[in-house]
Amino acid sequence: MQSIKVISHVGSDGILHLDVPVGMTNEELEVMVIFQPLTSSVQIETLQRLGWMPGFFEEVIGGWAGEPLEREEQNVGWVERSVDTKWLLAE
């Protein structure tokens, strides 16, 4: 048995639509749905609401199979400046 928690939106038709990848095909499953309205006034941003496909990061992370990537030197042309902090001590 697996538990998957998702945050979803009920449309104006009053019907909750769920797309849940389970990693199985051609099998019978018993599914239990328990729902609870969110009472927080803060809207929770999910990856899907931000435009990412479900499972994108799980499929992509660690998936590079090519040559090792090398990070180039980041300080090219960088000139460090001193910052006047006297104003921080002023009363």
C-alpha atoms as a PDB file:
ATOM      1  CA  MET A   1       0.000   0.000   0.000  1.00  0.00           C
ATOM      2  CA  GLN A   2       1.251   3.486  -0.877  1.00  0.00           C
ATOM      3  CA  SER A   3       0.074   6.900   0.248  1.00  0.00           C
ATOM      4  CA  ILE A   4       0.311   9.892  -2.069  1.00  0.00           C
ATOM      5  CA  LYS A   5      -0.639  13.354  -0.877  1.00  0.00           C
ATOM      6  CA  VAL A   6      -1.533  15.949  -3.492  1.00  0.00           C
ATOM      7  CA  ILE A   7      -3.003  19.416  -3.407  1.00  0.00           C
ATOM      8  CA  SER A   8      -5.507  19.929  -6.188  1.00  0.00           C
ATOM      9  CA  HIS A   9      -8.150  22.400  -7.321  1.00  0.00           C
ATOM     10  CA  VAL A  10     -11.855  21.745  -7.790  1.00  0.00           C
ATOM     11  CA  GLY A  11     -13.147  23.563 -10.855  1.00  0.00           C
ATOM     12  CA  SER A  12     -16.426  25.406 -11.278  1.00  0.00           C
ATOM     13  CA  ASP A  13     -18.104  22.102 -12.227  1.00  0.00           C
ATOM     14  CA  GLY A  14     -17.570  20.833  -8.661  1.00  0.00           C
ATOM     15  CA  ILE A  15     -15.649  17.763  -9.852  1.00  0.00           C
ATOM     16  CA  LEU A  16     -12.173  16.894  -8.584  1.00  0.00           C
ATOM     17  CA  HIS A  17      -9.956  15.480 -11.331  1.00  0.00           C
ATOM     18  CA  LEU A  18      -6.875  13.523 -10.241  1.00  0.00           C
ATOM     19  CA  ASP A  19      -3.971  12.368 -12.401  1.00  0.00           C
ATOM     20  CA  VAL A  20      -1.747  10.241 -10.172  1.00  0.00           C
ATOM     21  CA  PRO A  21       1.156   8.302 -11.698  1.00  0.00           C
ATOM     22  CA  VAL A  22       1.455   4.993  -9.828  1.00  0.00           C
ATOM     23  CA  GLY A  23       4.161   3.243 -11.842  1.00  0.00           C
ATOM     24  CA  MET A  24       1.949   0.267 -12.743  1.00  0.00           C
ATOM     25  CA  THR A  25       0.046  -0.712 -15.862  1.00  0.00           C
ATOM     26  CA  ASN A  26      -2.824  -3.123 -16.530  1.00  0.00           C
ATOM     27  CA  GLU A  27      -3.532  -3.840 -12.848  1.00  0.00           C
ATOM     28  CA  GLU A  28      -6.567  -3.564 -10.594  1.00  0.00           C
ATOM     29  CA  LEU A  29      -6.138  -1.133  -7.711  1.00  0.00           C
ATOM     30  CA  GLU A  30      -8.188  -0.301  -4.681  1.00  0.00           C
ATOM     31  CA  VAL A  31      -8.179   3.485  -4.290  1.00  0.00           C
ATOM     32  CA  MET A  32      -9.342   5.473  -1.266  1.00  0.00           C
ATOM     33  CA  VAL A  33      -9.835   9.233  -1.555  1.00  0.00           C
ATOM     34  CA  ILE A  34     -10.012  11.408   1.545  1.00  0.00           C
ATOM     35  CA  PHE A  35     -10.310  15.123   0.929  1.00  0.00           C
ATOM     36  CA  GLN A  36     -10.105  18.152   3.161  1.00  0.00           C
ATOM     37  CA  PRO A  37     -10.550  21.783   2.119  1.00  0.00           C
ATOM     38  CA  LEU A  38      -7.525  23.976   2.770  1.00  0.00           C
ATOM     39  CA  THR A  39      -8.387  26.586   5.347  1.00  0.00           C
ATOM     40  CA  SER A  40      -5.187  28.582   5.032  1.00  0.00           C
ATOM     41  CA  SER A  41      -5.534  32.005   3.452  1.00  0.00           C
ATOM     42  CA  VAL A  42      -2.112  31.516   1.893  1.00  0.00           C
ATOM     43  CA  GLN A  43      -2.325  29.814  -1.494  1.00  0.00           C
ATOM     44  CA  ILE A  44       0.058  26.865  -1.597  1.00  0.00           C
ATOM     45  CA  GLU A  45       2.185  26.838  -4.749  1.00  0.00           C
ATOM     46  CA  THR A  46       2.653  23.360  -6.150  1.00  0.00           C
ATOM     47  CA  LEU A  47       5.010  22.393  -8.916  1.00  0.00           C
ATOM     48  CA  GLN A  48       2.040  21.722 -11.197  1.00  0.00           C
ATOM     49  CA  ARG A  49       0.639  25.199 -10.583  1.00  0.00           C
ATOM     50  CA  LEU A  50       4.055  26.585 -11.511  1.00  0.00           C
ATOM     51  CA  GLY A  51       3.915  24.749 -14.846  1.00  0.00           C
ATOM     52  CA  TRP A  52       6.036  21.641 -14.166  1.00  0.00           C
ATOM     53  CA  MET A  53       4.770  18.249 -15.324  1.00  0.00           C
ATOM     54  CA  PRO A  54       4.052  15.701 -12.551  1.00  0.00           C
ATOM     55  CA  GLY A  55       7.121  13.524 -11.938  1.00  0.00           C
ATOM     56  CA  PHE A  56       9.452  15.822 -13.926  1.00  0.00           C
ATOM     57  CA  PHE A  57      12.098  16.207 -11.229  1.00  0.00           C
ATOM     58  CA  GLU A  58      11.991  12.554 -10.207  1.00  0.00           C
ATOM     59  CA  GLU A  59      12.721  11.558 -13.817  1.00  0.00           C
ATOM     60  CA  VAL A  60      15.354  14.210 -14.547  1.00  0.00           C
ATOM     61  CA  ILE A  61      17.474  14.374 -11.380  1.00  0.00           C
ATOM     62  CA  GLY A  62      20.538  12.195 -11.801  1.00  0.00           C
ATOM     63  CA  GLY A  63      19.600  11.426 -15.390  1.00  0.00           C
ATOM     64  CA  TRP A  64      22.635  12.942 -17.146  1.00  0.00           C
ATOM     65  CA  ALA A  65      24.612  10.141 -18.802  1.00  0.00           C
ATOM     66  CA  GLY A  66      27.003  12.183 -20.939  1.00  0.00           C
ATOM     67  CA  GLU A  67      30.477  13.516 -20.283  1.00  0.00           C
ATOM     68  CA  PRO A  68      31.031  15.083 -16.846  1.00  0.00           C
ATOM     69  CA  LEU A  69      29.956  18.707 -16.773  1.00  0.00           C
ATOM     70  CA  GLU A  70      32.576  21.268 -15.809  1.00  0.00           C
ATOM     71  CA  ARG A  71      31.784  24.600 -14.246  1.00  0.00           C
ATOM     72  CA  GLU A  72      33.800  27.472 -15.656  1.00  0.00           C
ATOM     73  CA  GLU A  73      35.568  29.973 -13.414  1.00  0.00           C
ATOM     74  CA  GLN A  74      32.951  32.400 -12.064  1.00  0.00           C
ATOM     75  CA  ASN A  75      35.198  35.289 -11.013  1.00  0.00           C
ATOM     76  CA  VAL A  76      36.359  36.317 -14.480  1.00  0.00           C
ATOM     77  CA  GLY A  77      36.376  40.105 -14.579  1.00  0.00           C
ATOM     78  CA  TRP A  78      35.194  40.345 -10.958  1.00  0.00           C
ATOM     79  CA  VAL A  79      36.543  43.294  -9.007  1.00  0.00           C
ATOM     80  CA  GLU A  80      35.826  43.255  -5.301  1.00  0.00           C
ATOM     81  CA  ARG A  81      34.820  46.622  -3.899  1.00  0.00           C
ATOM     82  CA  SER A  82      35.070  47.779  -0.342  1.00  0.00           C
ATOM     83  CA  VAL A  83      31.832  48.853   1.279  1.00  0.00           C
ATOM     84  CA  ASP A  84      31.603  51.822   3.615  1.00  0.00           C
ATOM     85  CA  THR A  85      29.953  50.492   6.779  1.00  0.00           C
ATOM     86  CA  LYS A  86      30.380  53.616   8.950  1.00  0.00           C
ATOM     87  CA  TRP A  87      26.676  54.420   8.570  1.00  0.00           C
ATOM     88  CA  LEU A  88      25.831  51.158  10.343  1.00  0.00           C
ATOM     89  CA  LEU A  89      27.530  52.414  13.523  1.00  0.00           C
ATOM     90  CA  ALA A  90      25.957  55.894  13.454  1.00  0.00           C
ATOM     91  CA  GLU A  91      23.399  56.621  16.149  1.00  0.00           C
END
